[in-house]
């Protein structure tokens, strides 16, 4: 089921906004022209994931070096800091853990999320 969750302009760049879609709390992330949707529930202890910190993924190219990967948005749960890749829902530290993601797209001037699908 596709749900219109609002105008694209209501979702600021590089931020997460919690909306209701199909009876679920869903975080809409707008990141460099793309939109993503994920469940507002951390797999750890069911914390409000989308109330956490959103940022670029920290990567290391070589021992002792770190840089930001601006193509990889990551969200950290506010309760215990578990981090998840917004694009895939997979935990950064162990891909056996994941939060639910939903297909999201821009249709015209609106953001549409398909709930009930992964």
PDB file of N, CA and C in Angstrom:
ATOM      1  N   UNK A   1       0.840  -1.167   0.000  1.00  0.00           N
ATOM      2  CA  UNK A   1       0.000   0.000   0.000  1.00  0.00           C
ATOM      3  C   UNK A   1       0.894   1.242   0.000  1.00  0.00           C
ATOM      4  N   UNK A   2       0.704   2.112  -0.975  1.00  0.00           N
ATOM      5  CA  UNK A   2       1.464   3.362  -1.039  1.00  0.00           C
ATOM      6  C   UNK A   2       0.750   4.438  -0.222  1.00  0.00           C
ATOM      7  N   UNK A   3       1.569   5.165   0.579  1.00  0.00           N
ATOM      8  CA  UNK A   3       1.028   6.217   1.433  1.00  0.00           C
ATOM      9  C   UNK A   3       1.772   7.518   1.150  1.00  0.00           C
ATOM     10  N   UNK A   4       1.022   8.568   0.842  1.00  0.00           N
ATOM     11  CA  UNK A   4       1.604   9.896   0.676  1.00  0.00           C
ATOM     12  C   UNK A   4       1.855  10.449   2.079  1.00  0.00           C
ATOM     13  N   UNK A   5       3.135  10.717   2.410  1.00  0.00           N
ATOM     14  CA  UNK A   5       3.465  11.182   3.759  1.00  0.00           C
ATOM     15  C   UNK A   5       3.733  12.680   3.824  1.00  0.00           C
ATOM     16  N   UNK A   6       3.605  13.376   2.704  1.00  0.00           N
ATOM     17  CA  UNK A   6       3.741  14.827   2.716  1.00  0.00           C
ATOM     18  C   UNK A   6       4.564  15.372   1.577  1.00  0.00           C
ATOM     19  N   UNK A   7       4.579  16.687   1.510  1.00  0.00           N
ATOM     20  CA  UNK A   7       5.334  17.381   0.471  1.00  0.00           C
ATOM     21  C   UNK A   7       6.830  17.227   0.715  1.00  0.00           C
ATOM     22  N   UNK A   8       7.583  17.067  -0.348  1.00  0.00           N
ATOM     23  CA  UNK A   8       9.035  16.940  -0.246  1.00  0.00           C
ATOM     24  C   UNK A   8       9.636  18.097   0.546  1.00  0.00           C
ATOM     25  N   UNK A   9       9.103  19.287   0.363  1.00  0.00           N
ATOM     26  CA  UNK A   9       9.610  20.467   1.070  1.00  0.00           C
ATOM     27  C   UNK A   9       9.469  20.371   2.590  1.00  0.00           C
ATOM     28  N   UNK A  10       8.611  19.479   3.084  1.00  0.00           N
ATOM     29  CA  UNK A  10       8.420  19.306   4.527  1.00  0.00           C
ATOM     30  C   UNK A  10       9.541  18.477   5.163  1.00  0.00           C
ATOM     31  N   UNK A  11      10.410  17.911   4.331  1.00  0.00           N
ATOM     32  CA  UNK A  11      11.490  17.061   4.819  1.00  0.00           C
ATOM     33  C   UNK A  11      12.828  17.729   4.508  1.00  0.00           C
ATOM     34  N   UNK A  12      13.426  18.399   5.486  1.00  0.00           N
ATOM     35  CA  UNK A  12      14.694  19.111   5.240  1.00  0.00           C
ATOM     36  C   UNK A  12      15.826  18.157   4.851  1.00  0.00           C
ATOM     37  N   UNK A  13      16.726  18.634   4.017  1.00  0.00           N
ATOM     38  CA  UNK A  13      17.906  17.863   3.616  1.00  0.00           C
ATOM     39  C   UNK A  13      18.725  17.439   4.836  1.00  0.00           C
ATOM     40  N   UNK A  14      19.272  16.232   4.763  1.00  0.00           N
ATOM     41  CA  UNK A  14      20.147  15.667   5.796  1.00  0.00           C
ATOM     42  C   UNK A  14      19.500  15.673   7.176  1.00  0.00           C
ATOM     43  N   UNK A  15      18.229  15.290   7.176  1.00  0.00           N
ATOM     44  CA  UNK A  15      17.524  15.186   8.447  1.00  0.00           C
ATOM     45  C   UNK A  15      16.559  14.015   8.387  1.00  0.00           C
ATOM     46  N   UNK A  16      16.056  13.640   9.560  1.00  0.00           N
ATOM     47  CA  UNK A  16      15.047  12.588   9.663  1.00  0.00           C
ATOM     48  C   UNK A  16      13.796  13.193  10.287  1.00  0.00           C
ATOM     49  N   UNK A  17      12.645  12.864   9.725  1.00  0.00           N
ATOM     50  CA  UNK A  17      11.359  13.349  10.201  1.00  0.00           C
ATOM     51  C   UNK A  17      10.456  12.142  10.420  1.00  0.00           C
ATOM     52  N   UNK A  18       9.881  12.032  11.605  1.00  0.00           N
ATOM     53  CA  UNK A  18       9.005  10.902  11.918  1.00  0.00           C
ATOM     54  C   UNK A  18       7.583  11.245  11.488  1.00  0.00           C
ATOM     55  N   UNK A  19       6.958  10.322  10.731  1.00  0.00           N
ATOM     56  CA  UNK A  19       5.587  10.477  10.255  1.00  0.00           C
ATOM     57  C   UNK A  19       4.831   9.179  10.532  1.00  0.00           C
ATOM     58  N   UNK A  20       3.528   9.229  10.347  1.00  0.00           N
ATOM     59  CA  UNK A  20       2.731   8.006  10.410  1.00  0.00           C
ATOM     60  C   UNK A  20       2.405   7.584   8.989  1.00  0.00           C
ATOM     61  N   UNK A  21       2.602   6.303   8.727  1.00  0.00           N
ATOM     62  CA  UNK A  21       2.302   5.765   7.403  1.00  0.00           C
ATOM     63  C   UNK A  21       1.692   4.374   7.583  1.00  0.00           C
ATOM     64  N   UNK A  22       0.442   4.243   7.232  1.00  0.00           N
ATOM     65  CA  UNK A  22      -0.212   2.952   7.341  1.00  0.00           C
ATOM     66  C   UNK A  22      -0.267   2.421   8.769  1.00  0.00           C
ATOM     67  N   UNK A  23      -0.420   3.309   9.743  1.00  0.00           N
ATOM     68  CA  UNK A  23      -0.501   2.895  11.133  1.00  0.00           C
ATOM     69  C   UNK A  23       0.839   2.619  11.790  1.00  0.00           C
ATOM     70  N   UNK A  24       1.939   2.957  11.094  1.00  0.00           N
ATOM     71  CA  UNK A  24       3.284   2.741  11.639  1.00  0.00           C
ATOM     72  C   UNK A  24       4.015   4.075  11.763  1.00  0.00           C
ATOM     73  N   UNK A  25       4.898   4.175  12.768  1.00  0.00           N
ATOM     74  CA  UNK A  25       5.800   5.329  12.838  1.00  0.00           C
ATOM     75  C   UNK A  25       6.985   5.031  11.933  1.00  0.00           C
ATOM     76  N   UNK A  26       7.212   5.930  10.989  1.00  0.00           N
ATOM     77  CA  UNK A  26       8.268   5.752   9.994  1.00  0.00           C
ATOM     78  C   UNK A  26       9.128   7.013   9.972  1.00  0.00           C
ATOM     79  N   UNK A  27      10.432   6.827   9.930  1.00  0.00           N
ATOM     80  CA  UNK A  27      11.347   7.939   9.788  1.00  0.00           C
ATOM     81  C   UNK A  27      11.649   8.164   8.319  1.00  0.00           C
ATOM     82  N   UNK A  28      11.423   9.373   7.850  1.00  0.00           N
ATOM     83  CA  UNK A  28      11.738   9.743   6.472  1.00  0.00           C
ATOM     84  C   UNK A  28      13.054  10.508   6.504  1.00  0.00           C
ATOM     85  N   UNK A  29      14.032   9.991   5.793  1.00  0.00           N
ATOM     86  CA  UNK A  29      15.340  10.628   5.711  1.00  0.00           C
ATOM     87  C   UNK A  29      15.494  11.199   4.308  1.00  0.00           C
ATOM     88  N   UNK A  30      15.818  12.471   4.253  1.00  0.00           N
ATOM     89  CA  UNK A  30      16.143  13.110   2.971  1.00  0.00           C
ATOM     90  C   UNK A  30      17.641  13.366   2.995  1.00  0.00           C
ATOM     91  N   UNK A  31      18.335  12.785   2.025  1.00  0.00           N
ATOM     92  CA  UNK A  31      19.802  12.841   2.042  1.00  0.00           C
ATOM     93  C   UNK A  31      20.308  13.071   0.634  1.00  0.00           C
ATOM     94  N   UNK A  32      20.805  14.243   0.381  1.00  0.00           N
ATOM     95  CA  UNK A  32      21.415  14.592  -0.907  1.00  0.00           C
ATOM     96  C   UNK A  32      20.548  14.214  -2.108  1.00  0.00           C
ATOM     97  N   UNK A  33      19.274  14.591  -2.032  1.00  0.00           N
ATOM     98  CA  UNK A  33      18.380  14.381  -3.162  1.00  0.00           C
ATOM     99  C   UNK A  33      17.632  13.068  -3.157  1.00  0.00           C
ATOM    100  N   UNK A  34      17.972  12.164  -2.271  1.00  0.00           N
ATOM    101  CA  UNK A  34      17.272  10.880  -2.168  1.00  0.00           C
ATOM    102  C   UNK A  34      16.409  10.871  -0.913  1.00  0.00           C
ATOM    103  N   UNK A  35      15.378  10.021  -0.920  1.00  0.00           N
ATOM    104  CA  UNK A  35      14.564   9.836   0.277  1.00  0.00           C
ATOM    105  C   UNK A  35      14.583   8.357   0.654  1.00  0.00           C
ATOM    106  N   UNK A  36      14.606   8.117   1.964  1.00  0.00           N
ATOM    107  CA  UNK A  36      14.613   6.771   2.514  1.00  0.00           C
ATOM    108  C   UNK A  36      13.579   6.715   3.628  1.00  0.00           C
ATOM    109  N   UNK A  37      13.077   5.516   3.896  1.00  0.00           N
ATOM    110  CA  UNK A  37      12.105   5.346   4.975  1.00  0.00           C
ATOM    111  C   UNK A  37      12.489   4.128   5.792  1.00  0.00           C
ATOM    112  N   UNK A  38      12.447   4.281   7.118  1.00  0.00           N
ATOM    113  CA  UNK A  38      12.749   3.158   8.000  1.00  0.00           C
ATOM    114  C   UNK A  38      11.865   3.204   9.232  1.00  0.00           C
ATOM    115  N   UNK A  39      11.661   2.043   9.819  1.00  0.00           N
ATOM    116  CA  UNK A  39      10.827   1.939  11.013  1.00  0.00           C
ATOM    117  C   UNK A  39      11.472   2.713  12.157  1.00  0.00           C
ATOM    118  N   UNK A  40      10.641   3.337  12.955  1.00  0.00           N
ATOM    119  CA  UNK A  40      11.121   4.107  14.097  1.00  0.00           C
ATOM    120  C   UNK A  40      11.261   3.189  15.318  1.00  0.00           C
ATOM    121  N   UNK A  41      11.859   2.021  15.115  1.00  0.00           N
ATOM    122  CA  UNK A  41      12.036   1.049  16.196  1.00  0.00           C
ATOM    123  C   UNK A  41      13.413   0.412  16.057  1.00  0.00           C
ATOM    124  N   UNK A  42      14.252   0.582  17.078  1.00  0.00           N
ATOM    125  CA  UNK A  42      15.571  -0.045  17.089  1.00  0.00           C
ATOM    126  C   UNK A  42      15.415  -1.533  17.414  1.00  0.00           C
ATOM    127  N   UNK A  43      16.179  -2.369  16.754  1.00  0.00           N
ATOM    128  CA  UNK A  43      16.098  -3.813  16.984  1.00  0.00           C
ATOM    129  C   UNK A  43      16.700  -4.232  18.319  1.00  0.00           C
ATOM    130  N   UNK A  44      17.420  -3.346  18.970  1.00  0.00           N
ATOM    131  CA  UNK A  44      18.066  -3.685  20.234  1.00  0.00           C
ATOM    132  C   UNK A  44      17.055  -3.803  21.372  1.00  0.00           C
ATOM    133  N   UNK A  45      16.450  -2.687  21.765  1.00  0.00           N
ATOM    134  CA  UNK A  45      15.458  -2.707  22.842  1.00  0.00           C
ATOM    135  C   UNK A  45      14.231  -1.880  22.480  1.00  0.00           C
ATOM    136  N   UNK A  46      13.946  -1.827  21.186  1.00  0.00           N
ATOM    137  CA  UNK A  46      12.751  -1.170  20.650  1.00  0.00           C
ATOM    138  C   UNK A  46      12.704   0.333  20.951  1.00  0.00           C
ATOM    139  N   UNK A  47      13.875   0.946  21.034  1.00  0.00           N
ATOM    140  CA  UNK A  47      13.960   2.387  21.256  1.00  0.00           C
ATOM    141  C   UNK A  47      13.487   3.166  20.047  1.00  0.00           C
ATOM    142  N   UNK A  48      13.229   4.470  20.211  1.00  0.00           N
ATOM    143  CA  UNK A  48      12.760   5.340  19.117  1.00  0.00           C
ATOM    144  C   UNK A  48      13.919   5.731  18.197  1.00  0.00           C
ATOM    145  N   UNK A  49      14.316   4.835  17.338  1.00  0.00           N
ATOM    146  CA  UNK A  49      15.503   4.982  16.501  1.00  0.00           C
ATOM    147  C   UNK A  49      15.592   6.334  15.799  1.00  0.00           C
ATOM    148  N   UNK A  50      14.501   6.778  15.218  1.00  0.00           N
ATOM    149  CA  UNK A  50      14.534   7.985  14.391  1.00  0.00           C
ATOM    150  C   UNK A  50      14.586   9.279  15.198  1.00  0.00           C
ATOM    151  N   UNK A  51      14.632   9.167  16.493  1.00  0.00           N
ATOM    152  CA  UNK A  51      14.859  10.338  17.351  1.00  0.00           C
ATOM    153  C   UNK A  51      16.352  10.481  17.642  1.00  0.00           C
ATOM    154  N   UNK A  52      17.142   9.590  17.068  1.00  0.00           N
ATOM    155  CA  UNK A  52      18.585   9.587  17.281  1.00  0.00           C
ATOM    156  C   UNK A  52      19.318  10.535  16.350  1.00  0.00           C
ATOM    157  N   UNK A  53      20.624  10.338  16.275  1.00  0.00           N
ATOM    158  CA  UNK A  53      21.502  11.206  15.501  1.00  0.00           C
ATOM    159  C   UNK A  53      21.701  10.658  14.090  1.00  0.00           C
ATOM    160  N   UNK A  54      21.550  11.526  13.102  1.00  0.00           N
ATOM    161  CA  UNK A  54      21.753  11.186  11.699  1.00  0.00           C
ATOM    162  C   UNK A  54      23.031  11.850  11.222  1.00  0.00           C
ATOM    163  N   UNK A  55      23.858  11.110  10.503  1.00  0.00           N
ATOM    164  CA  UNK A  55      25.089  11.691   9.984  1.00  0.00           C
ATOM    165  C   UNK A  55      25.722  10.828   8.915  1.00  0.00           C
ATOM    166  N   UNK A  56      26.870  11.257   8.449  1.00  0.00           N
ATOM    167  CA  UNK A  56      27.627  10.509   7.448  1.00  0.00           C
ATOM    168  C   UNK A  56      28.322   9.322   8.106  1.00  0.00           C
ATOM    169  N   UNK A  57      28.567   8.289   7.332  1.00  0.00           N
ATOM    170  CA  UNK A  57      29.246   7.107   7.855  1.00  0.00           C
ATOM    171  C   UNK A  57      30.737   7.390   7.994  1.00  0.00           C
ATOM    172  N   UNK A  58      31.310   6.970   9.108  1.00  0.00           N
ATOM    173  CA  UNK A  58      32.732   7.110   9.370  1.00  0.00           C
ATOM    174  C   UNK A  58      33.431   5.851   8.864  1.00  0.00           C
ATOM    175  N   UNK A  59      34.409   6.016   7.981  1.00  0.00           N
ATOM    176  CA  UNK A  59      35.133   4.869   7.413  1.00  0.00           C
ATOM    177  C   UNK A  59      36.634   5.081   7.566  1.00  0.00           C
ATOM    178  N   UNK A  60      37.356   3.979   7.575  1.00  0.00           N
ATOM    179  CA  UNK A  60      38.808   4.043   7.655  1.00  0.00           C
ATOM    180  C   UNK A  60      39.415   3.395   6.432  1.00  0.00           C
ATOM    181  N   UNK A  61      40.225   4.142   5.705  1.00  0.00           N
ATOM    182  CA  UNK A  61      40.872   3.614   4.510  1.00  0.00           C
ATOM    183  C   UNK A  61      42.127   2.838   4.829  1.00  0.00           C
ATOM    184  N   UNK A  62      42.753   3.175   5.929  1.00  0.00           N
ATOM    185  CA  UNK A  62      43.999   2.527   6.349  1.00  0.00           C
ATOM    186  C   UNK A  62      44.104   2.667   7.863  1.00  0.00           C
ATOM    187  N   UNK A  63      44.915   1.849   8.500  1.00  0.00           N
ATOM    188  CA  UNK A  63      45.066   1.976   9.949  1.00  0.00           C
ATOM    189  C   UNK A  63      45.433   3.403  10.356  1.00  0.00           C
ATOM    190  N   UNK A  64      44.727   3.911  11.349  1.00  0.00           N
ATOM    191  CA  UNK A  64      44.999   5.252  11.858  1.00  0.00           C
ATOM    192  C   UNK A  64      44.364   6.378  11.077  1.00  0.00           C
ATOM    193  N   UNK A  65      43.580   6.060  10.042  1.00  0.00           N
ATOM    194  CA  UNK A  65      42.927   7.111   9.262  1.00  0.00           C
ATOM    195  C   UNK A  65      41.412   6.942   9.324  1.00  0.00           C
ATOM    196  N   UNK A  66      40.715   8.048   9.295  1.00  0.00           N
ATOM    197  CA  UNK A  66      39.254   8.039   9.258  1.00  0.00           C
ATOM    198  C   UNK A  66      38.778   9.189   8.399  1.00  0.00           C
ATOM    199  N   UNK A  67      37.668   8.946   7.711  1.00  0.00           N
ATOM    200  CA  UNK A  67      37.046   9.997   6.914  1.00  0.00           C
ATOM    201  C   UNK A  67      35.552   9.751   6.858  1.00  0.00           C
ATOM    202  N   UNK A  68      34.807  10.781   6.478  1.00  0.00           N
ATOM    203  CA  UNK A  68      33.367  10.667   6.373  1.00  0.00           C
ATOM    204  C   UNK A  68      32.971  10.255   4.972  1.00  0.00           C
ATOM    205  N   UNK A  69      32.067   9.292   4.877  1.00  0.00           N
ATOM    206  CA  UNK A  69      31.488   8.868   3.608  1.00  0.00           C
ATOM    207  C   UNK A  69      30.127   9.544   3.496  1.00  0.00           C
ATOM    208  N   UNK A  70      30.061  10.657   2.780  1.00  0.00           N
ATOM    209  CA  UNK A  70      28.818  11.412   2.667  1.00  0.00           C
ATOM    210  C   UNK A  70      27.735  10.686   1.876  1.00  0.00           C
ATOM    211  N   UNK A  71      28.098   9.629   1.163  1.00  0.00           N
ATOM    212  CA  UNK A  71      27.108   8.860   0.412  1.00  0.00           C
ATOM    213  C   UNK A  71      26.367   7.873   1.300  1.00  0.00           C
ATOM    214  N   UNK A  72      26.871   7.653   2.515  1.00  0.00           N
ATOM    215  CA  UNK A  72      26.306   6.644   3.394  1.00  0.00           C
ATOM    216  C   UNK A  72      25.695   7.205   4.652  1.00  0.00           C
ATOM    217  N   UNK A  73      24.410   7.609   4.636  1.00  0.00           N
ATOM    218  CA  UNK A  73      23.799   8.118   5.854  1.00  0.00           C
ATOM    219  C   UNK A  73      23.623   7.011   6.897  1.00  0.00           C
ATOM    220  N   UNK A  74      23.914   7.360   8.149  1.00  0.00           N
ATOM    221  CA  UNK A  74      23.829   6.430   9.266  1.00  0.00           C
ATOM    222  C   UNK A  74      22.990   7.086  10.354  1.00  0.00           C
ATOM    223  N   UNK A  75      22.165   6.276  11.008  1.00  0.00           N
ATOM    224  CA  UNK A  75      21.393   6.782  12.138  1.00  0.00           C
ATOM    225  C   UNK A  75      21.770   5.990  13.379  1.00  0.00           C
ATOM    226  N   UNK A  76      21.944   6.704  14.494  1.00  0.00           N
ATOM    227  CA  UNK A  76      22.313   6.081  15.768  1.00  0.00           C
ATOM    228  C   UNK A  76      21.144   6.193  16.737  1.00  0.00           C
ATOM    229  N   UNK A  77      20.751   5.083  17.317  1.00  0.00           N
ATOM    230  CA  UNK A  77      19.648   5.057  18.269  1.00  0.00           C
ATOM    231  C   UNK A  77      19.992   5.923  19.484  1.00  0.00           C
ATOM    232  N   UNK A  78      19.055   6.739  19.953  1.00  0.00           N
ATOM    233  CA  UNK A  78      19.343   7.614  21.088  1.00  0.00           C
ATOM    234  C   UNK A  78      19.491   6.861  22.415  1.00  0.00           C
ATOM    235  N   UNK A  79      19.008   5.638  22.491  1.00  0.00           N
ATOM    236  CA  UNK A  79      19.085   4.909  23.759  1.00  0.00           C
ATOM    237  C   UNK A  79      20.461   4.320  24.029  1.00  0.00           C
ATOM    238  N   UNK A  80      21.032   3.605  23.058  1.00  0.00           N
ATOM    239  CA  UNK A  80      22.302   2.916  23.307  1.00  0.00           C
ATOM    240  C   UNK A  80      23.323   3.089  22.186  1.00  0.00           C
ATOM    241  N   UNK A  81      23.002   3.918  21.199  1.00  0.00           N
ATOM    242  CA  UNK A  81      23.970   4.248  20.166  1.00  0.00           C
ATOM    243  C   UNK A  81      24.143   3.227  19.050  1.00  0.00           C
ATOM    244  N   UNK A  82      23.267   2.227  18.973  1.00  0.00           N
ATOM    245  CA  UNK A  82      23.385   1.279  17.863  1.00  0.00           C
ATOM    246  C   UNK A  82      23.203   2.040  16.555  1.00  0.00           C
ATOM    247  N   UNK A  83      24.094   1.786  15.584  1.00  0.00           N
ATOM    248  CA  UNK A  83      24.090   2.516  14.318  1.00  0.00           C
ATOM    249  C   UNK A  83      23.622   1.633  13.166  1.00  0.00           C
ATOM    250  N   UNK A  84      22.832   2.234  12.281  1.00  0.00           N
ATOM    251  CA  UNK A  84      22.264   1.524  11.142  1.00  0.00           C
ATOM    252  C   UNK A  84      22.439   2.334   9.868  1.00  0.00           C
ATOM    253  N   UNK A  85      22.729   1.639   8.763  1.00  0.00           N
ATOM    254  CA  UNK A  85      22.797   2.255   7.442  1.00  0.00           C
ATOM    255  C   UNK A  85      21.366   2.577   7.022  1.00  0.00           C
ATOM    256  N   UNK A  86      21.076   3.825   6.775  1.00  0.00           N
ATOM    257  CA  UNK A  86      19.723   4.256   6.434  1.00  0.00           C
ATOM    258  C   UNK A  86      19.251   3.629   5.126  1.00  0.00           C
ATOM    259  N   UNK A  87      20.155   3.415   4.183  1.00  0.00           N
ATOM    260  CA  UNK A  87      19.772   2.899   2.870  1.00  0.00           C
ATOM    261  C   UNK A  87      19.331   1.441   2.920  1.00  0.00           C
ATOM    262  N   UNK A  88      19.959   0.641   3.762  1.00  0.00           N
ATOM    263  CA  UNK A  88      19.691  -0.802   3.800  1.00  0.00           C
ATOM    264  C   UNK A  88      19.021  -1.264   5.082  1.00  0.00           C
ATOM    265  N   UNK A  89      19.141  -0.469   6.146  1.00  0.00           N
ATOM    266  CA  UNK A  89      18.637  -0.868   7.454  1.00  0.00           C
ATOM    267  C   UNK A  89      19.614  -1.728   8.244  1.00  0.00           C
ATOM    268  N   UNK A  90      20.696  -2.159   7.628  1.00  0.00           N
ATOM    269  CA  UNK A  90      21.665  -3.048   8.285  1.00  0.00           C
ATOM    270  C   UNK A  90      22.476  -2.310   9.346  1.00  0.00           C
ATOM    271  N   UNK A  91      22.745  -3.035  10.460  1.00  0.00           N
ATOM    272  CA  UNK A  91      23.598  -2.480  11.514  1.00  0.00           C
ATOM    273  C   UNK A  91      25.008  -2.303  10.957  1.00  0.00           C
ATOM    274  N   UNK A  92      25.668  -1.237  11.352  1.00  0.00           N
ATOM    275  CA  UNK A  92      27.006  -0.935  10.863  1.00  0.00           C
ATOM    276  C   UNK A  92      28.011  -1.976  11.337  1.00  0.00           C
ATOM    277  N   UNK A  93      27.885  -2.413  12.546  1.00  0.00           N
ATOM    278  CA  UNK A  93      28.874  -3.291  13.172  1.00  0.00           C
ATOM    279  C   UNK A  93      28.610  -4.769  12.946  1.00  0.00           C
ATOM    280  N   UNK A  94      27.394  -5.168  12.532  1.00  0.00           N
ATOM    281  CA  UNK A  94      27.080  -6.581  12.315  1.00  0.00           C
ATOM    282  C   UNK A  94      25.837  -6.665  11.434  1.00  0.00           C
ATOM    283  N   UNK A  95      26.005  -7.062  10.176  1.00  0.00           N
ATOM    284  CA  UNK A  95      24.865  -7.023   9.251  1.00  0.00           C
ATOM    285  C   UNK A  95      23.824  -8.112   9.504  1.00  0.00           C
ATOM    286  N   UNK A  96      23.999  -8.897  10.560  1.00  0.00           N
ATOM    287  CA  UNK A  96      22.936  -9.832  10.947  1.00  0.00           C
ATOM    288  C   UNK A  96      21.778  -9.094  11.615  1.00  0.00           C
ATOM    289  N   UNK A  97      22.031  -7.863  12.052  1.00  0.00           N
ATOM    290  CA  UNK A  97      21.001  -7.046  12.690  1.00  0.00           C
ATOM    291  C   UNK A  97      20.552  -5.977  11.710  1.00  0.00           C
ATOM    292  N   UNK A  98      19.261  -5.709  11.714  1.00  0.00           N
ATOM    293  CA  UNK A  98      18.736  -4.700  10.786  1.00  0.00           C
ATOM    294  C   UNK A  98      17.429  -4.136  11.303  1.00  0.00           C
ATOM    295  N   UNK A  99      17.141  -2.921  10.891  1.00  0.00           N
ATOM    296  CA  UNK A  99      15.829  -2.322  11.124  1.00  0.00           C
ATOM    297  C   UNK A  99      15.061  -2.405   9.808  1.00  0.00           C
ATOM    298  N   UNK A 100      13.773  -2.384   9.916  1.00  0.00           N
ATOM    299  CA  UNK A 100      12.943  -2.485   8.728  1.00  0.00           C
ATOM    300  C   UNK A 100      13.020  -1.199   7.907  1.00  0.00           C
ATOM    301  N   UNK A 101      13.161  -1.365   6.614  1.00  0.00           N
ATOM    302  CA  UNK A 101      13.126  -0.229   5.695  1.00  0.00           C
ATOM    303  C   UNK A 101      11.913  -0.390   4.785  1.00  0.00           C
ATOM    304  N   UNK A 102      11.501   0.707   4.189  1.00  0.00           N
ATOM    305  CA  UNK A 102      10.364   0.710   3.277  1.00  0.00           C
ATOM    306  C   UNK A 102      10.764   1.441   2.005  1.00  0.00           C
ATOM    307  N   UNK A 103      10.280   0.993   0.851  1.00  0.00           N
ATOM    308  CA  UNK A 103      10.535   1.745  -0.376  1.00  0.00           C
ATOM    309  C   UNK A 103       9.927   3.148  -0.279  1.00  0.00           C
ATOM    310  N   UNK A 104      10.719   4.138  -0.638  1.00  0.00           N
ATOM    311  CA  UNK A 104      10.254   5.528  -0.608  1.00  0.00           C
ATOM    312  C   UNK A 104      10.705   6.205  -1.890  1.00  0.00           C
ATOM    313  N   UNK A 105       9.865   7.121  -2.382  1.00  0.00           N
ATOM    314  CA  UNK A 105      10.205   7.850  -3.591  1.00  0.00           C
ATOM    315  C   UNK A 105       9.472   9.181  -3.633  1.00  0.00           C
ATOM    316  N   UNK A 106       9.938  10.026  -4.508  1.00  0.00           N
ATOM    317  CA  UNK A 106       9.290  11.305  -4.736  1.00  0.00           C
ATOM    318  C   UNK A 106       8.391  11.146  -5.958  1.00  0.00           C
ATOM    319  N   UNK A 107       7.126  11.468  -5.759  1.00  0.00           N
ATOM    320  CA  UNK A 107       6.159  11.454  -6.858  1.00  0.00           C
ATOM    321  C   UNK A 107       5.604  12.866  -6.983  1.00  0.00           C
ATOM    322  N   UNK A 108       5.968  13.526  -8.061  1.00  0.00           N
ATOM    323  CA  UNK A 108       5.587  14.930  -8.206  1.00  0.00           C
ATOM    324  C   UNK A 108       6.324  15.743  -7.165  1.00  0.00           C
ATOM    325  N   UNK A 109       5.574  16.377  -6.278  1.00  0.00           N
ATOM    326  CA  UNK A 109       6.185  17.186  -5.214  1.00  0.00           C
ATOM    327  C   UNK A 109       6.028  16.523  -3.850  1.00  0.00           C
ATOM    328  N   UNK A 110       5.603  15.245  -3.835  1.00  0.00           N
ATOM    329  CA  UNK A 110       5.318  14.550  -2.582  1.00  0.00           C
ATOM    330  C   UNK A 110       6.226  13.349  -2.365  1.00  0.00           C
ATOM    331  N   UNK A 111       6.348  12.954  -1.089  1.00  0.00           N
ATOM    332  CA  UNK A 111       7.076  11.743  -0.719  1.00  0.00           C
ATOM    333  C   UNK A 111       6.042  10.645  -0.489  1.00  0.00           C
ATOM    334  N   UNK A 112       6.284   9.504  -1.117  1.00  0.00           N
ATOM    335  CA  UNK A 112       5.395   8.364  -1.024  1.00  0.00           C
ATOM    336  C   UNK A 112       6.177   7.175  -0.484  1.00  0.00           C
ATOM    337  N   UNK A 113       5.581   6.472   0.497  1.00  0.00           N
ATOM    338  CA  UNK A 113       6.212   5.319   1.122  1.00  0.00           C
ATOM    339  C   UNK A 113       5.308   4.111   0.894  1.00  0.00           C
ATOM    340  N   UNK A 114       5.925   2.994   0.546  1.00  0.00           N
ATOM    341  CA  UNK A 114       5.166   1.751   0.393  1.00  0.00           C
ATOM    342  C   UNK A 114       5.316   0.952   1.679  1.00  0.00           C
ATOM    343  N   UNK A 115       4.265   0.960   2.508  1.00  0.00           N
ATOM    344  CA  UNK A 115       4.300   0.213   3.757  1.00  0.00           C
ATOM    345  C   UNK A 115       3.774  -1.194   3.512  1.00  0.00           C
ATOM    346  N   UNK A 116       4.214  -2.095   4.338  1.00  0.00           N
ATOM    347  CA  UNK A 116       3.826  -3.492   4.151  1.00  0.00           C
ATOM    348  C   UNK A 116       4.764  -4.208   3.216  1.00  0.00           C
ATOM    349  N   UNK A 117       5.796  -3.517   2.733  1.00  0.00           N
ATOM    350  CA  UNK A 117       6.803  -4.118   1.848  1.00  0.00           C
ATOM    351  C   UNK A 117       8.177  -3.761   2.347  1.00  0.00           C
ATOM    352  N   UNK A 118       9.133  -4.586   2.040  1.00  0.00           N
ATOM    353  CA  UNK A 118      10.532  -4.301   2.408  1.00  0.00           C
ATOM    354  C   UNK A 118      11.262  -3.758   1.218  1.00  0.00           C
TER     355      UNK A 118
END
